[in-house]
N, C-alpha and C. Protein backbone atom coordinates (compact mmCIF):
# COMPACT_ATOMS: atom_id res chain seq x y z
N UNK A 1 -5.24 24.19 12.95
CA UNK A 1 -6.14 23.30 12.19
C UNK A 1 -6.58 22.10 11.40
N UNK A 2 -6.73 21.26 11.59
CA UNK A 2 -6.83 19.73 10.29
C UNK A 2 -8.02 20.77 9.18
N UNK A 3 -7.35 20.70 7.77
CA UNK A 3 -7.92 20.78 7.08
C UNK A 3 -8.94 19.63 6.06
N UNK A 4 -7.95 18.55 6.17
CA UNK A 4 -8.76 17.28 5.15
C UNK A 4 -8.74 16.19 6.62
N UNK A 5 -9.93 15.30 6.46
CA UNK A 5 -10.09 14.63 7.61
C UNK A 5 -10.00 12.93 6.67
N UNK A 6 -9.38 12.55 7.00
CA UNK A 6 -8.97 10.66 6.29
C UNK A 6 -10.75 10.17 7.08
N UNK A 7 -11.23 9.10 6.22
CA UNK A 7 -12.57 8.20 6.55
C UNK A 7 -12.17 6.92 6.40
N UNK A 8 -11.07 6.79 5.51
CA UNK A 8 -11.16 5.54 5.22
C UNK A 8 -10.08 5.33 4.10
N UNK A 9 -9.58 4.06 3.88
CA UNK A 9 -8.78 3.40 3.32
C UNK A 9 -8.72 1.86 2.98
N UNK A 10 -8.35 1.56 1.46
CA UNK A 10 -8.25 -0.40 1.75
C UNK A 10 -7.62 -0.35 0.45
N UNK A 11 -7.16 -1.52 0.86
CA UNK A 11 -5.70 -2.33 -0.40
C UNK A 11 -6.88 -2.96 -1.54
N UNK A 12 -6.19 -2.87 -2.49
CA UNK A 12 -7.08 -3.88 -4.03
C UNK A 12 -6.99 -3.62 -4.90
N UNK A 13 -7.05 -4.65 -6.25
CA UNK A 13 -6.03 -5.77 -7.20
C UNK A 13 -6.59 -4.06 -8.00
N UNK A 14 -7.64 -3.36 -8.04
CA UNK A 14 -8.35 -2.66 -9.17
C UNK A 14 -9.59 -1.53 -8.26
N UNK A 15 -9.37 -0.38 -8.92
CA UNK A 15 -11.25 0.17 -8.83
C UNK A 15 -11.55 0.67 -9.88
N UNK A 16 -12.80 1.36 -9.98
CA UNK A 16 -13.02 1.65 -11.21
C UNK A 16 -14.34 2.72 -10.72
N UNK A 17 -14.15 3.97 -11.26
CA UNK A 17 -15.30 4.99 -11.07
C UNK A 17 -16.06 5.41 -12.62
N UNK A 18 -17.08 5.33 -12.58
CA UNK A 18 -18.57 5.33 -13.45
C UNK A 18 -18.44 6.88 -13.57
N UNK A 19 -18.42 6.86 -14.93
CA UNK A 19 -18.38 8.04 -15.59
C UNK A 19 -19.74 8.58 -14.99
N UNK A 20 -20.86 8.48 -14.87
CA UNK A 20 -21.76 8.86 -15.05
C UNK A 20 -22.77 9.42 -13.63
N UNK A 21 -22.11 8.22 -12.87
CA UNK A 21 -22.61 8.54 -11.24
C UNK A 21 -21.24 8.85 -10.31
N UNK A 22 -20.20 8.86 -11.17
CA UNK A 22 -18.88 9.31 -10.10
C UNK A 22 -19.32 8.29 -8.90
N UNK A 23 -19.70 6.55 -8.93
CA UNK A 23 -19.33 6.42 -8.15
C UNK A 23 -18.23 5.25 -8.06
N UNK A 24 -17.11 4.89 -7.13
CA UNK A 24 -16.12 3.77 -7.02
C UNK A 24 -16.54 2.36 -7.08
N UNK A 25 -16.35 1.51 -7.81
CA UNK A 25 -15.90 0.35 -7.46
C UNK A 25 -14.87 -0.48 -7.33
N UNK A 26 -14.55 -1.28 -5.97
CA UNK A 26 -13.33 -1.68 -5.37
C UNK A 26 -13.11 -2.67 -5.74
N UNK A 27 -12.23 -3.51 -6.98
CA UNK A 27 -12.33 -4.47 -7.21
C UNK A 27 -10.84 -5.85 -6.38
N UNK A 28 -11.41 -6.37 -6.19
CA UNK A 28 -10.85 -8.17 -5.09
C UNK A 28 -9.70 -7.12 -4.36
N UNK A 29 -10.44 -6.74 -3.31
CA UNK A 29 -9.57 -6.41 -1.75
C UNK A 29 -8.71 -7.39 -1.74
N UNK A 30 -7.88 -6.83 -0.85
CA UNK A 30 -6.21 -7.36 -0.59
C UNK A 30 -6.08 -8.05 0.91
N UNK A 31 -6.40 -8.87 1.75
CA UNK A 31 -6.34 -9.22 2.98
C UNK A 31 -4.97 -10.16 3.41
N UNK A 32 -4.84 -11.09 2.60
CA UNK A 32 -3.74 -11.80 2.67
C UNK A 32 -3.23 -12.18 0.97
N UNK A 33 -1.69 -12.50 0.55
CA UNK A 33 -1.33 -13.25 0.26
C UNK A 33 -0.40 -14.50 0.23
N UNK A 34 -0.70 -15.23 -0.69
CA UNK A 34 -0.15 -16.64 -0.23
C UNK A 34 0.98 -16.77 -1.29
N UNK A 35 2.03 -16.73 -1.18
CA UNK A 35 3.23 -17.63 -1.73
C UNK A 35 4.29 -18.64 -1.88
N UNK A 36 4.82 -18.58 -3.35
CA UNK A 36 5.39 -20.15 -3.23
C UNK A 36 6.68 -19.44 -3.26
N UNK A 37 8.13 -20.02 -2.64
CA UNK A 37 8.95 -19.06 -2.63
C UNK A 37 10.10 -20.62 -2.62
N UNK A 38 10.97 -20.16 -3.74
CA UNK A 38 12.47 -21.25 -3.48
C UNK A 38 13.59 -21.09 -2.78
N UNK A 39 13.57 -22.38 -1.95
CA UNK A 39 14.87 -21.35 -0.84
C UNK A 39 16.49 -22.46 -1.75
N UNK A 40 17.35 -22.28 -1.47
CA UNK A 40 18.70 -22.62 -1.94
C UNK A 40 18.86 -23.45 -0.71
N UNK A 41 19.16 -25.05 -1.14
CA UNK A 41 19.55 -25.69 -0.32
C UNK A 41 20.90 -25.63 0.44
N UNK A 42 21.76 -25.16 -0.12
CA UNK A 42 23.13 -24.80 0.63
C UNK A 42 22.54 -24.40 1.61
N UNK A 43 21.86 -23.48 1.35
CA UNK A 43 22.22 -22.32 1.66
C UNK A 43 20.48 -22.05 3.36
N UNK A 44 19.84 -22.68 2.82
CA UNK A 44 18.05 -22.75 3.29
C UNK A 44 17.87 -22.09 3.76
N UNK A 45 17.82 -20.99 3.03
CA UNK A 45 17.38 -19.44 3.15
C UNK A 45 16.53 -18.61 2.04
N UNK A 46 15.78 -17.50 1.71
CA UNK A 46 16.01 -17.02 1.41
C UNK A 46 16.27 -15.74 0.80
N UNK A 47 16.39 -14.54 -0.17
CA UNK A 47 17.75 -13.55 0.40
C UNK A 47 16.95 -12.48 1.40
N UNK A 48 17.31 -11.65 1.80
CA UNK A 48 16.96 -10.28 2.33
C UNK A 48 15.53 -10.12 1.63
N UNK A 49 14.89 -9.69 0.82
CA UNK A 49 13.85 -9.07 0.45
C UNK A 49 14.09 -9.23 -1.66
N UNK A 50 12.89 -9.66 -1.26
CA UNK A 50 12.53 -10.14 -3.28
C UNK A 50 11.10 -8.91 -3.27
N UNK A 51 11.45 -8.69 -4.62
CA UNK A 51 10.01 -7.70 -4.75
C UNK A 51 8.72 -8.77 -5.44
N UNK A 52 7.09 -9.23 -5.03
CA UNK A 52 6.56 -9.57 -5.67
C UNK A 52 6.29 -9.44 -7.11
N UNK A 53 5.80 -9.57 -8.05
CA UNK A 53 5.41 -8.63 -9.52
C UNK A 53 3.94 -8.63 -9.39
N UNK A 54 3.23 -8.30 -8.49
CA UNK A 54 1.95 -7.59 -8.14
C UNK A 54 1.54 -6.29 -8.10
N UNK A 55 0.55 -6.00 -8.74
CA UNK A 55 0.14 -3.84 -9.25
C UNK A 55 -1.25 -4.35 -8.24
N UNK A 56 -1.16 -3.09 -7.29
CA UNK A 56 -2.31 -2.93 -6.28
C UNK A 56 -2.92 -1.84 -6.42
N UNK A 57 -3.31 -1.18 -6.04
CA UNK A 57 -4.19 0.18 -5.40
C UNK A 57 -3.63 0.53 -4.15
N UNK A 58 -3.87 1.34 -3.65
CA UNK A 58 -4.32 2.15 -1.99
C UNK A 58 -5.51 3.27 -2.54
N UNK A 59 -6.85 2.97 -1.91
CA UNK A 59 -7.11 3.93 -2.35
C UNK A 59 -8.22 4.43 -0.79
N UNK A 60 -8.74 5.39 -1.29
CA UNK A 60 -8.46 6.58 0.49
C UNK A 60 -9.63 7.68 -0.34
N UNK A 61 -10.46 7.75 1.19
CA UNK A 61 -11.77 8.65 1.53
C UNK A 61 -11.29 9.76 2.51
N UNK A 62 -11.45 10.83 1.94
CA UNK A 62 -11.22 11.81 2.35
C UNK A 62 -12.43 13.15 2.76
N UNK A 63 -12.16 14.23 3.80
CA UNK A 63 -13.41 14.77 3.80
C UNK A 63 -12.90 16.13 3.84
N UNK A 64 -13.21 17.35 3.17
CA UNK A 64 -12.72 18.47 2.90
C UNK A 64 -13.35 19.38 3.89
N UNK A 65 -12.89 19.72 4.98
CA UNK A 65 -12.99 20.29 6.21
C UNK A 65 -12.83 22.26 6.19
N UNK A 66 -12.04 22.55 5.55
CA UNK A 66 -11.50 23.49 5.16
C UNK A 66 -11.64 23.86 3.74
N UNK A 67 -12.11 24.41 2.64
CA UNK A 67 -12.47 25.23 1.34
C UNK A 67 -10.65 25.98 1.31
N UNK A 68 -10.20 26.21 1.76
CA UNK A 68 -9.45 27.21 1.90
C UNK A 68 -8.06 26.06 1.23
N UNK A 69 -8.00 24.95 1.46
CA UNK A 69 -7.00 24.22 1.70
C UNK A 69 -6.80 23.84 -0.17
N UNK A 70 -5.80 23.76 -0.76
CA UNK A 70 -5.57 23.64 -1.79
C UNK A 70 -4.59 22.69 -2.82
N UNK A 71 -4.03 21.68 -1.33
CA UNK A 71 -3.58 20.08 -1.85
C UNK A 71 -3.75 19.18 -0.55
N UNK A 72 -3.25 18.06 -0.76
CA UNK A 72 -2.90 17.16 0.34
C UNK A 72 -2.55 16.15 0.43
N UNK A 73 -1.28 16.05 1.05
CA UNK A 73 0.22 14.97 1.24
C UNK A 73 0.05 14.47 1.88
N UNK A 74 0.14 13.48 0.96
CA UNK A 74 0.38 12.12 1.73
C UNK A 74 2.06 11.68 2.24
N UNK A 75 2.21 10.67 2.77
CA UNK A 75 3.47 9.92 2.71
C UNK A 75 2.66 8.23 3.31
N UNK A 76 3.25 7.22 2.29
CA UNK A 76 3.00 5.83 2.98
C UNK A 76 4.04 5.11 2.88
N UNK A 77 3.95 4.24 4.02
CA UNK A 77 5.18 3.62 4.58
C UNK A 77 5.33 1.73 4.81
N UNK A 78 5.36 1.03 4.09
CA UNK A 78 5.33 -0.02 3.98
C UNK A 78 6.26 -0.82 5.31
N UNK A 79 6.08 -1.24 6.65
CA UNK A 79 6.88 -2.12 6.93
C UNK A 79 6.50 -4.05 7.49
N UNK A 80 7.42 -4.57 7.35
CA UNK A 80 7.92 -5.62 7.37
C UNK A 80 6.83 -5.91 9.03
N UNK A 81 6.70 -7.19 9.29
CA UNK A 81 6.38 -8.14 9.95
C UNK A 81 7.60 -7.71 11.29
N UNK A 82 9.04 -7.38 11.33
CA UNK A 82 9.58 -6.43 12.20
C UNK A 82 9.55 -5.41 12.51
N UNK A 83 8.71 -4.68 12.41
CA UNK A 83 7.99 -3.40 11.63
C UNK A 83 9.90 -2.47 11.28
N UNK A 84 10.66 -2.89 10.30
CA UNK A 84 11.71 -2.64 9.48
C UNK A 84 10.31 -1.90 8.47
N UNK A 85 11.52 -0.54 8.13
CA UNK A 85 10.79 0.36 7.06
C UNK A 85 11.05 -0.31 5.79
N UNK A 86 10.24 -0.75 4.93
CA UNK A 86 11.26 -1.32 3.62
C UNK A 86 10.71 -0.33 1.94
N UNK A 87 9.95 0.01 2.46
CA UNK A 87 9.39 0.78 0.98
C UNK A 87 8.69 2.23 2.03
N UNK A 88 8.24 3.15 0.83
CA UNK A 88 8.12 4.79 1.07
C UNK A 88 7.28 5.52 -0.28
N UNK A 89 6.26 5.90 -0.04
CA UNK A 89 5.45 6.46 -1.50
C UNK A 89 5.01 7.69 -0.49
N UNK A 90 5.60 8.80 -1.72
CA UNK A 90 4.89 10.54 -1.20
C UNK A 90 4.07 10.80 -2.42
N UNK A 91 2.91 11.46 -2.28
CA UNK A 91 2.09 11.47 -2.83
C UNK A 91 1.76 13.12 -2.73
N UNK A 92 1.37 14.18 -3.88
CA UNK A 92 1.02 15.57 -3.18
C UNK A 92 0.01 15.24 -4.50
N UNK A 93 -1.72 15.73 -4.02
CA UNK A 93 -2.75 15.97 -4.97
C UNK A 93 -3.66 17.16 -4.79
N UNK A 94 -3.45 18.19 -5.45
CA UNK A 94 -4.16 19.03 -5.99
C UNK A 94 -5.54 19.35 -5.73
N UNK A 95 -5.70 19.72 -5.14
CA UNK A 95 -7.42 19.68 -5.06
C UNK A 95 -8.48 20.35 -5.57
N UNK A 96 -9.22 20.58 -6.59
CA UNK A 96 -10.06 21.63 -7.12
C UNK A 96 -11.28 22.29 -5.65
N UNK A 97 -11.37 23.70 -6.09
CA UNK A 97 -12.12 24.67 -5.06
C UNK A 97 -14.03 23.62 -5.20
N UNK A 98 -14.44 23.91 -3.98
CA UNK A 98 -15.99 23.85 -4.45
C UNK A 98 -16.25 22.43 -3.49
N UNK A 99 -15.12 21.60 -3.31
CA UNK A 99 -15.34 20.21 -2.99
C UNK A 99 -15.66 20.20 -1.82
N UNK A 100 -16.53 19.04 -0.88
CA UNK A 100 -16.23 18.34 0.65
C UNK A 100 -15.90 17.50 0.92
N UNK A 101 -15.52 16.67 -0.72
CA UNK A 101 -14.83 15.41 -0.23
C UNK A 101 -14.38 15.25 -0.99
N UNK A 102 -12.97 14.71 -1.23
CA UNK A 102 -12.02 13.41 -1.77
C UNK A 102 -11.50 12.13 -2.13
N UNK A 103 -11.19 11.69 -3.11
CA UNK A 103 -10.59 9.92 -2.72
C UNK A 103 -9.55 10.48 -3.60
N UNK A 104 -8.45 9.46 -3.10
CA UNK A 104 -6.97 9.69 -3.57
C UNK A 104 -6.79 8.03 -4.06
N UNK A 105 -6.45 7.65 -4.87
CA UNK A 105 -6.11 6.31 -5.44
C UNK A 105 -4.31 6.11 -5.61
N UNK A 106 -3.28 5.35 -5.58
CA UNK A 106 -2.51 5.04 -5.15
C UNK A 106 -2.08 4.33 -5.91
N UNK A 107 -1.53 4.02 -7.15
CA UNK A 107 -1.35 2.57 -7.81
C UNK A 107 0.76 2.03 -7.43
N UNK A 108 0.24 0.70 -6.66
CA UNK A 108 1.24 0.40 -6.44
C UNK A 108 1.93 -0.52 -7.37
N UNK A 109 3.53 -0.97 -7.96
CA UNK A 109 3.77 -1.56 -8.48
C UNK A 109 4.65 -2.19 -7.95
N UNK A 110 4.84 -3.85 -7.79
CA UNK A 110 5.31 -4.94 -7.08
C UNK A 110 5.53 -4.87 -5.22
N UNK A 111 5.19 -5.45 -5.00
CA UNK A 111 5.54 -5.89 -3.51
C UNK A 111 6.61 -6.61 -2.65
N UNK A 112 7.85 -5.98 -1.77
CA UNK A 112 8.74 -6.37 -1.46
C UNK A 112 8.40 -6.80 -0.52
N UNK A 113 8.58 -8.47 -0.30
CA UNK A 113 8.93 -9.37 1.13
C UNK A 113 9.78 -9.88 1.56
N UNK A 114 10.33 -9.88 2.91
CA UNK A 114 11.58 -10.11 3.60
C UNK A 114 11.16 -11.66 3.81
N UNK A 115 9.55 -11.62 4.66
CA UNK A 115 10.04 -13.40 5.31
C UNK A 115 8.18 -13.19 5.74
N UNK A 116 7.36 -14.40 5.91
CA UNK A 116 6.08 -14.53 6.22
C UNK A 116 5.53 -13.70 7.34
N UNK A 117 4.67 -13.03 7.84
CA UNK A 117 4.12 -12.52 8.93
C UNK A 117 3.05 -11.76 8.36
N UNK A 118 2.98 -10.38 8.91
CA UNK A 118 1.60 -9.18 9.05
C UNK A 118 2.71 -7.91 8.48
N UNK A 119 2.76 -7.62 6.79
CA UNK A 119 2.90 -6.29 7.00
C UNK A 119 1.65 -5.04 7.14
N UNK A 120 2.29 -3.71 7.44
CA UNK A 120 2.02 -2.96 7.40
C UNK A 120 1.77 -2.08 6.70
N UNK A 121 0.91 -1.24 6.37
CA UNK A 121 0.92 0.52 5.15
C UNK A 121 0.31 1.08 5.82
N UNK A 122 1.32 2.23 6.24
CA UNK A 122 1.24 3.11 7.19
C UNK A 122 1.00 4.65 6.57
N UNK A 123 -0.25 5.45 6.59
CA UNK A 123 -0.85 6.41 6.14
C UNK A 123 -0.55 7.38 6.47
N UNK A 124 0.25 8.54 6.32
CA UNK A 124 0.12 9.84 6.81
C UNK A 124 0.11 10.65 6.00
N UNK A 125 -0.58 11.78 6.82
CA UNK A 125 -1.64 12.76 6.43
C UNK A 125 0.11 13.88 7.06
N UNK A 126 0.37 14.29 5.54
CA UNK A 126 1.31 15.38 6.68
C UNK A 126 1.13 17.03 6.02
N UNK A 127 0.92 17.55 7.70
CA UNK A 127 0.36 19.18 7.35
C UNK A 127 0.97 19.85 7.36
N UNK A 128 0.49 21.03 6.97
CA UNK A 128 1.61 22.38 6.80
C UNK A 128 3.04 21.96 6.62
N UNK A 129 3.05 21.39 5.39
CA UNK A 129 4.88 20.89 4.83
C UNK A 129 5.54 20.52 5.93
N UNK A 130 5.21 19.38 7.26
CA UNK A 130 5.80 19.44 7.46
C UNK A 130 5.62 18.23 8.96
N UNK A 131 4.64 18.44 9.48
CA UNK A 131 3.76 17.33 10.22
C UNK A 131 3.23 16.63 10.00
N UNK A 132 3.40 14.82 10.17
CA UNK A 132 3.38 13.93 10.11
C UNK A 132 2.62 13.61 10.70
N UNK A 133 1.16 13.19 10.49
CA UNK A 133 0.06 12.30 11.20
C UNK A 133 -0.71 11.24 10.59
N UNK A 134 -0.06 10.18 11.27
CA UNK A 134 -0.85 8.65 10.92
C UNK A 134 -1.91 8.19 11.48
N UNK A 135 -2.86 8.52 9.73
CA UNK A 135 -3.88 8.48 9.70
C UNK A 135 -4.91 7.16 9.34
N UNK A 136 -4.11 5.91 9.16
CA UNK A 136 -4.42 4.67 8.89
C UNK A 136 -3.31 3.70 8.78
N UNK A 137 -3.57 2.60 9.41
CA UNK A 137 -2.66 1.23 9.16
C UNK A 137 -3.76 0.29 8.51
N UNK A 138 -3.00 -0.27 7.20
CA UNK A 138 -3.78 -1.24 6.61
C UNK A 138 -2.70 -2.20 6.54
N UNK A 139 -2.86 -3.95 7.26
CA UNK A 139 -2.84 -4.87 7.39
C UNK A 139 -2.69 -5.58 5.96
N UNK A 140 -1.58 -6.62 5.93
CA UNK A 140 -1.74 -7.14 4.36
C UNK A 140 -0.50 -8.68 4.95
N UNK A 141 -1.63 -9.45 5.53
CA UNK A 141 -1.00 -10.91 5.68
C UNK A 141 -0.51 -11.71 4.39
N UNK A 142 1.29 -12.26 5.18
CA UNK A 142 1.77 -12.68 3.94
C UNK A 142 2.04 -14.02 4.28
N UNK A 143 1.85 -15.27 3.82
CA UNK A 143 2.08 -16.98 3.80
C UNK A 143 2.70 -16.98 2.64
N UNK A 144 3.90 -17.46 3.65
CA UNK A 144 4.71 -17.89 1.98
C UNK A 144 5.64 -19.34 2.31
N UNK A 145 5.21 -20.10 1.03
CA UNK A 145 5.71 -21.54 1.48
C UNK A 145 6.58 -21.64 0.57
N UNK A 146 8.14 -22.37 0.66
CA UNK A 146 9.03 -22.67 0.70
C UNK A 146 9.09 -23.65 -0.40
N UNK A 147 9.60 -24.09 -0.90
CA UNK A 147 10.32 -25.02 -1.98
C UNK A 147 11.69 -24.90 -1.95
N UNK A 148 12.57 -26.50 -2.00
CA UNK A 148 13.57 -26.46 -2.12
C UNK A 148 13.74 -26.52 -3.18
N UNK A 149 15.23 -25.70 -3.56
CA UNK A 149 15.81 -25.87 -5.09
C UNK A 149 16.97 -26.29 -5.01
N UNK A 150 17.15 -27.32 -5.89
CA UNK A 150 17.71 -28.40 -6.00
C UNK A 150 18.87 -27.35 -6.87
N UNK A 151 20.23 -27.30 -6.94
CA UNK A 151 20.97 -26.71 -7.25
C UNK A 151 21.75 -27.62 -8.58
N UNK A 152 21.95 -29.32 -7.98
CA UNK A 152 23.10 -29.94 -8.91
C UNK A 152 22.00 -29.92 -10.12
N UNK A 153 21.00 -30.45 -9.97
CA UNK A 153 19.66 -30.36 -11.40
C UNK A 153 18.46 -29.32 -11.82
N UNK A 154 18.61 -28.55 -12.11
CA UNK A 154 18.16 -27.04 -12.47
C UNK A 154 17.24 -27.91 -13.29
N UNK A 155 15.30 -27.58 -13.29
CA UNK A 155 15.05 -27.11 -14.17
C UNK A 155 15.34 -26.82 -15.32
N UNK A 156 14.86 -27.55 -16.16
CA UNK A 156 15.53 -26.82 -18.09
C UNK A 156 13.78 -26.31 -18.41
């Protein structure tokens, strides 16, 4: 029996929870990244994978359907435009008693990029310690503008 039900997830730069009302504000939701990268004049390509120095959050909202539940286990996989898994995040959240809903906020530092296209964050709920259930897919479109790097006269 499902113990938690996933309602929604979103990518954002940050989120803020008001202490008085417990309301959450999602700030700068992410749908697309526009990047500029250097390419080598000799090879005319970028390296296999680069990590872009960006910090963001994956925020999710869950309903607790069974009060006997003590924890929520999730796994998030990042897939590149060719559906290759390029990153994985695992988290376990301890749940307090007598709550009917739960929010998770996962901080992510750095974004690995292999090429332009649509990246997918696949969110899995781990049930009974081993069964994976995909509960959401969050797309992030990445557009890369390439700038030719001149190796003979590098910028000083």
